[in-house]
Protein backbone atom coordinates (compact mmCIF):
# COMPACT_ATOMS: atom_id res chain seq x y z
CA UNK A 1 163.72 138.36 85.04
CA UNK A 2 161.71 135.55 83.54
CA UNK A 3 158.00 134.84 83.99
CA UNK A 4 157.63 131.51 82.25
CA UNK A 5 154.03 131.21 83.41
CA UNK A 6 152.89 133.36 80.48
CA UNK A 7 154.68 131.14 77.95
CA UNK A 8 152.10 128.40 78.52
CA UNK A 9 149.20 127.75 76.18
CA UNK A 10 145.70 128.71 77.22
CA UNK A 11 144.74 125.10 77.94
CA UNK A 12 147.90 124.52 80.00
CA UNK A 13 147.49 127.72 81.98
CA UNK A 14 143.74 127.44 82.51
CA UNK A 15 143.96 123.78 83.55
CA UNK A 16 146.16 124.85 86.46
CA UNK A 17 144.34 128.04 87.38
CA UNK A 18 140.71 126.97 86.96
CA UNK A 19 141.01 124.26 89.57
CA UNK A 20 138.35 122.35 91.45
CA UNK A 21 139.39 124.19 94.61
CA UNK A 22 138.81 127.59 93.03
CA UNK A 23 135.52 126.57 91.43
CA UNK A 24 134.20 125.21 94.73
CA UNK A 25 135.40 128.04 96.94
CA UNK A 26 134.43 130.69 94.40
CA UNK A 27 130.87 129.39 94.37
CA UNK A 28 130.87 129.40 98.17
CA UNK A 29 132.16 132.98 98.33
CA UNK A 30 129.58 134.14 95.79
CA UNK A 31 126.82 132.64 97.94
CA UNK A 32 128.08 133.76 101.34
CA UNK A 33 128.84 137.31 100.13
CA UNK A 34 125.86 137.60 97.79
CA UNK A 35 124.53 140.81 99.35
CA UNK A 36 127.90 142.54 99.09
CA UNK A 37 128.44 141.41 95.50
CA UNK A 38 124.92 142.57 94.58
CA UNK A 39 125.49 146.00 96.12
CA UNK A 40 128.82 146.36 94.29
CA UNK A 41 127.20 145.39 91.00
CA UNK A 42 124.40 147.91 91.51
CA UNK A 43 126.92 150.69 92.11
CA UNK A 44 129.66 149.83 89.62
CA UNK A 45 127.94 147.53 87.09
CA UNK A 46 130.47 144.68 87.22
CA UNK A 47 129.08 141.15 87.42
CA UNK A 48 129.97 139.19 90.59
CA UNK A 49 131.48 136.22 88.67
CA UNK A 50 134.06 138.54 87.10
CA UNK A 51 135.15 139.93 90.46
CA UNK A 52 135.25 136.44 91.95
CA UNK A 53 137.45 135.24 89.09
CA UNK A 54 140.05 137.95 89.69
CA UNK A 55 139.85 137.40 93.46
CA UNK A 56 140.56 133.70 92.87
CA UNK A 57 143.40 134.11 90.38
CA UNK A 58 145.19 136.97 92.08
CA UNK A 59 145.30 135.75 95.71
CA UNK A 60 143.12 132.64 96.16
CA UNK A 61 140.34 134.80 97.64
CA UNK A 62 142.68 136.89 99.79
CA UNK A 63 144.65 133.99 101.25
CA UNK A 64 147.98 134.78 99.55
CA UNK A 65 148.59 138.52 99.23
CA UNK A 66 152.39 138.43 99.50
CA UNK A 67 154.88 139.31 102.21
CA UNK A 68 157.46 141.48 100.42
CA UNK A 69 157.93 144.94 102.01
CA UNK A 70 156.42 147.09 99.27
CA UNK A 71 158.58 150.18 99.66
CA UNK A 72 161.79 148.12 99.60
CA UNK A 73 160.61 146.12 96.58
CA UNK A 74 159.65 149.22 94.63
CA UNK A 75 162.86 151.07 95.54
CA UNK A 76 164.85 148.08 94.27
CA UNK A 77 162.92 147.94 91.00
CA UNK A 78 163.15 151.72 90.60
CA UNK A 79 166.93 151.42 90.87
CA UNK A 80 167.05 148.54 88.36
CA UNK A 81 167.86 149.67 84.83
CA UNK A 82 165.01 147.92 82.98
CA UNK A 83 161.83 149.79 83.99
CA UNK A 84 163.08 152.48 86.32
CA UNK A 85 160.58 155.18 85.36
CA UNK A 86 157.62 152.85 85.84
CA UNK A 87 158.66 151.77 89.32
CA UNK A 88 159.75 155.25 90.44
CA UNK A 89 156.18 156.30 89.68
CA UNK A 90 154.81 153.31 91.60
CA UNK A 91 157.05 154.15 94.57
CA UNK A 92 155.70 157.71 94.65
CA UNK A 93 152.12 156.40 94.61
CA UNK A 94 152.93 153.99 97.44
CA UNK A 95 154.17 156.93 99.50
CA UNK A 96 150.97 158.83 98.69
CA UNK A 97 148.87 155.93 99.99
CA UNK A 98 150.76 156.21 103.28
CA UNK A 99 150.43 160.01 103.24
CA UNK A 100 146.65 159.74 102.81
CA UNK A 101 146.42 157.55 105.91
CA UNK A 102 145.16 154.36 104.23
CA UNK A 103 147.97 152.34 105.84
CA UNK A 104 151.37 152.73 107.47
CA UNK A 105 154.61 151.59 105.87
CA UNK A 106 154.89 148.50 108.07
CA UNK A 107 151.49 147.24 106.86
CA UNK A 108 152.40 147.71 103.21
CA UNK A 109 153.43 144.21 102.16
CA UNK A 110 152.61 142.40 98.94
CA UNK A 111 154.09 140.84 95.81
CA UNK A 112 157.67 141.14 94.59
CA UNK A 113 156.74 143.74 91.95
CA UNK A 114 154.86 145.98 94.39
CA UNK A 115 151.29 144.71 93.86
CA UNK A 116 149.11 145.11 96.93
CA UNK A 117 146.00 143.59 98.39
CA UNK A 118 143.49 140.87 97.68
CA UNK A 119 143.19 141.98 94.03
CA UNK A 120 146.90 142.83 93.62
CA UNK A 121 146.72 146.49 92.63
CA UNK A 122 149.89 148.31 91.73
CA UNK A 123 150.19 151.38 93.97
CA UNK A 124 149.18 153.73 91.12
CA UNK A 125 145.91 151.84 90.65
CA UNK A 126 145.42 151.69 94.41
CA UNK A 127 146.00 155.43 94.78
CA UNK A 128 143.69 156.38 91.88
CA UNK A 129 140.88 153.81 92.05
CA UNK A 130 140.66 152.30 95.53
CA UNK A 131 137.48 152.99 97.50
CA UNK A 132 136.54 152.69 101.16
CA UNK A 133 133.58 150.33 100.88
CA UNK A 134 133.31 149.08 104.45
CA UNK A 135 133.02 152.62 105.82
CA UNK A 136 135.94 152.56 108.26
CA UNK A 137 137.56 155.65 106.75
CA UNK A 138 140.47 153.83 105.12
CA UNK A 139 140.97 152.18 101.75
CA UNK A 140 142.45 148.89 102.93
CA UNK A 141 142.81 146.53 99.99
CA UNK A 142 144.81 144.01 102.03
CA UNK A 143 142.50 143.31 104.99
CA UNK A 144 139.08 144.39 103.74
CA UNK A 145 137.46 142.18 101.10
CA UNK A 146 134.72 144.80 100.67
CA UNK A 147 137.27 147.51 99.88
CA UNK A 148 139.24 145.16 97.62
CA UNK A 149 136.30 143.88 95.56
CA UNK A 150 134.60 147.27 95.24
CA UNK A 151 137.91 148.83 94.19
CA UNK A 152 138.32 146.17 91.51
CA UNK A 153 134.83 146.95 90.27
CA UNK A 154 135.59 150.66 90.28
CA UNK A 155 138.79 150.06 88.29
CA UNK A 156 136.94 147.97 85.67
CA UNK A 157 134.20 150.59 85.48
CA UNK A 158 136.79 153.31 84.85
CA UNK A 159 138.32 151.13 82.14
CA UNK A 160 134.95 151.04 80.36
CA UNK A 161 133.08 147.97 81.67
CA UNK A 162 129.55 147.75 80.25
CA UNK A 163 126.94 146.62 82.81
CA UNK A 164 124.81 143.55 82.09
CA UNK A 165 126.83 142.71 78.98
CA UNK A 166 128.78 139.50 78.24
CA UNK A 167 132.55 139.30 78.25
CA UNK A 168 133.42 135.89 76.77
CA UNK A 169 131.26 133.09 75.31
CA UNK A 170 132.62 129.76 74.15
CA UNK A 171 131.56 128.75 70.62
CA UNK A 172 132.18 126.09 67.98
CA UNK A 173 133.87 126.99 64.72
CA UNK A 174 133.58 125.10 61.43
CA UNK A 175 136.42 123.21 59.80
CA UNK A 176 136.67 125.92 57.14
CA UNK A 177 135.88 129.63 57.26
CA UNK A 178 137.56 132.97 56.60
CA UNK A 179 140.20 132.65 59.32
CA UNK A 180 141.57 136.14 58.61
CA UNK A 181 138.51 137.51 60.44
CA UNK A 182 139.59 135.83 63.70
CA UNK A 183 141.48 138.56 65.52
CA UNK A 184 140.65 140.62 68.59
CA UNK A 185 140.60 143.89 66.68
CA UNK A 186 137.88 142.61 64.33
CA UNK A 187 134.51 142.85 66.06
CA UNK A 188 131.59 141.83 63.87
CA UNK A 189 127.84 141.43 64.44
CA UNK A 190 127.06 137.93 65.67
CA UNK A 191 124.92 137.45 62.56
CA UNK A 192 128.09 137.66 60.46
CA UNK A 193 129.83 135.06 62.59
CA UNK A 194 126.79 132.85 62.16
CA UNK A 195 127.13 133.18 58.37
CA UNK A 196 130.72 131.98 58.73
CA UNK A 197 129.44 128.84 60.44
CA UNK A 198 130.17 129.76 64.05
CA UNK A 199 127.60 128.29 66.45
CA UNK A 200 126.95 127.93 70.16
CA UNK A 201 128.89 125.11 71.81
CA UNK A 202 125.73 123.00 71.65
CA UNK A 203 125.55 123.49 67.87
CA UNK A 204 122.55 125.78 68.09
CA UNK A 205 122.61 128.99 66.01
CA UNK A 206 124.07 132.10 67.62
CA UNK A 207 121.62 134.59 69.06
CA UNK A 208 122.17 137.65 66.81
CA UNK A 209 122.80 140.26 69.50
CA UNK A 210 125.82 142.53 69.80
CA UNK A 211 129.27 142.63 68.24
CA UNK A 212 132.21 140.40 69.15
CA UNK A 213 135.63 139.26 67.98
CA UNK A 214 136.45 135.62 67.37
CA UNK A 215 139.21 134.63 69.79
CA UNK A 216 141.19 131.50 68.95
CA UNK A 217 143.87 131.41 71.68
CA UNK A 218 145.43 128.20 70.28
CA UNK A 219 144.59 128.54 66.60
CA UNK A 220 141.69 127.23 64.51
CA UNK A 221 141.82 123.71 65.97
CA UNK A 222 141.77 124.80 69.61
CA UNK A 223 139.14 126.35 71.89
CA UNK A 224 137.09 129.16 70.38
CA UNK A 225 135.38 132.13 72.02
CA UNK A 226 133.45 135.22 71.09
CA UNK A 227 135.14 138.11 72.87
CA UNK A 228 132.84 141.06 73.55
CA UNK A 229 133.90 144.66 74.33
CA UNK A 230 134.06 143.83 78.05
CA UNK A 231 136.89 141.41 77.24
CA UNK A 232 138.92 144.39 76.00
CA UNK A 233 138.45 145.87 79.47
CA UNK A 234 139.83 142.68 80.99
CA UNK A 235 142.90 143.02 78.77
CA UNK A 236 143.50 146.39 80.38
CA UNK A 237 143.64 144.66 83.75
CA UNK A 238 146.33 142.31 82.41
CA UNK A 239 147.55 142.59 78.82
CA UNK A 240 148.50 138.90 78.65
CA UNK A 241 145.92 137.25 76.40
CA UNK A 242 146.45 133.88 78.11
CA UNK A 243 145.85 135.36 81.57
CA UNK A 244 142.85 137.46 80.52
CA UNK A 245 141.26 134.60 78.61
CA UNK A 246 141.69 132.39 81.68
CA UNK A 247 140.18 135.04 83.97
CA UNK A 248 137.25 135.53 81.61
CA UNK A 249 136.76 131.77 81.25
CA UNK A 250 136.82 131.27 85.04
CA UNK A 251 134.20 134.01 85.35
CA UNK A 252 131.99 132.16 82.87
CA UNK A 253 132.36 128.99 84.96
CA UNK A 254 131.22 130.90 88.04
CA UNK A 255 128.29 132.15 85.94
CA UNK A 256 127.27 128.58 85.05
CA UNK A 257 129.15 127.69 81.85
CA UNK A 258 130.61 124.23 81.35
CA UNK A 259 134.21 123.12 81.04
CA UNK A 260 135.97 124.38 77.95
CA UNK A 261 136.21 122.10 74.90
CA UNK A 262 139.57 121.25 73.38
CA UNK A 263 138.23 122.49 70.03
CA UNK A 264 138.31 120.86 66.63
CA UNK A 265 141.58 119.01 67.14
């Protein structure tokens, strides 16, 4: 009934989740599975670092997918009075996955809230967006990394992911500016952010290309990012700003960005 993990600040949460282990193993997975990631990107348009970031955060690259019997977990949550309608729907979708032959009930094990597979899809997302990418005739998001990663890419594509476009870029903000502009719903041309004194982390002027919101997850003295439309897609994956900012930041690390600054504090 309490998920205290999301009460942490961005720097607290990201310090734990963007670990040396995940950075090292993520880079290794991106190299060893480069052909698969490239093929997925060509078909769905989602950059490999983004998929690797979710793979890392959700299950440590498929190592920890959960061992709760999914049907029992969902039936319990459907009976609970708090979100009964939501979990009744998820239970029906879990039964449809079995009906379609993707897996049998005994194989369907995952997280306590019914999430399944290496990318932790709820059954509704699994049922609607999962793809058979390894060609074995089944959409197996638990045992097949190809199915899991391609399904994640398909989900993000359906949510509106824009190919070959940024998602999050760390920036420096001045000591004083119009702080009322800094909200996720306020996307402005980068030239306007430059006029406000926002620069690249290095201090160089922003390259005036595209529109973005200024994201200050810990206020004006903390880390600062430009959040592009693809970041809105990541918020559809998980509506927690702390989680999504961490996922987007980890993806930038896999893409070559440096460690986040503490900001102006």
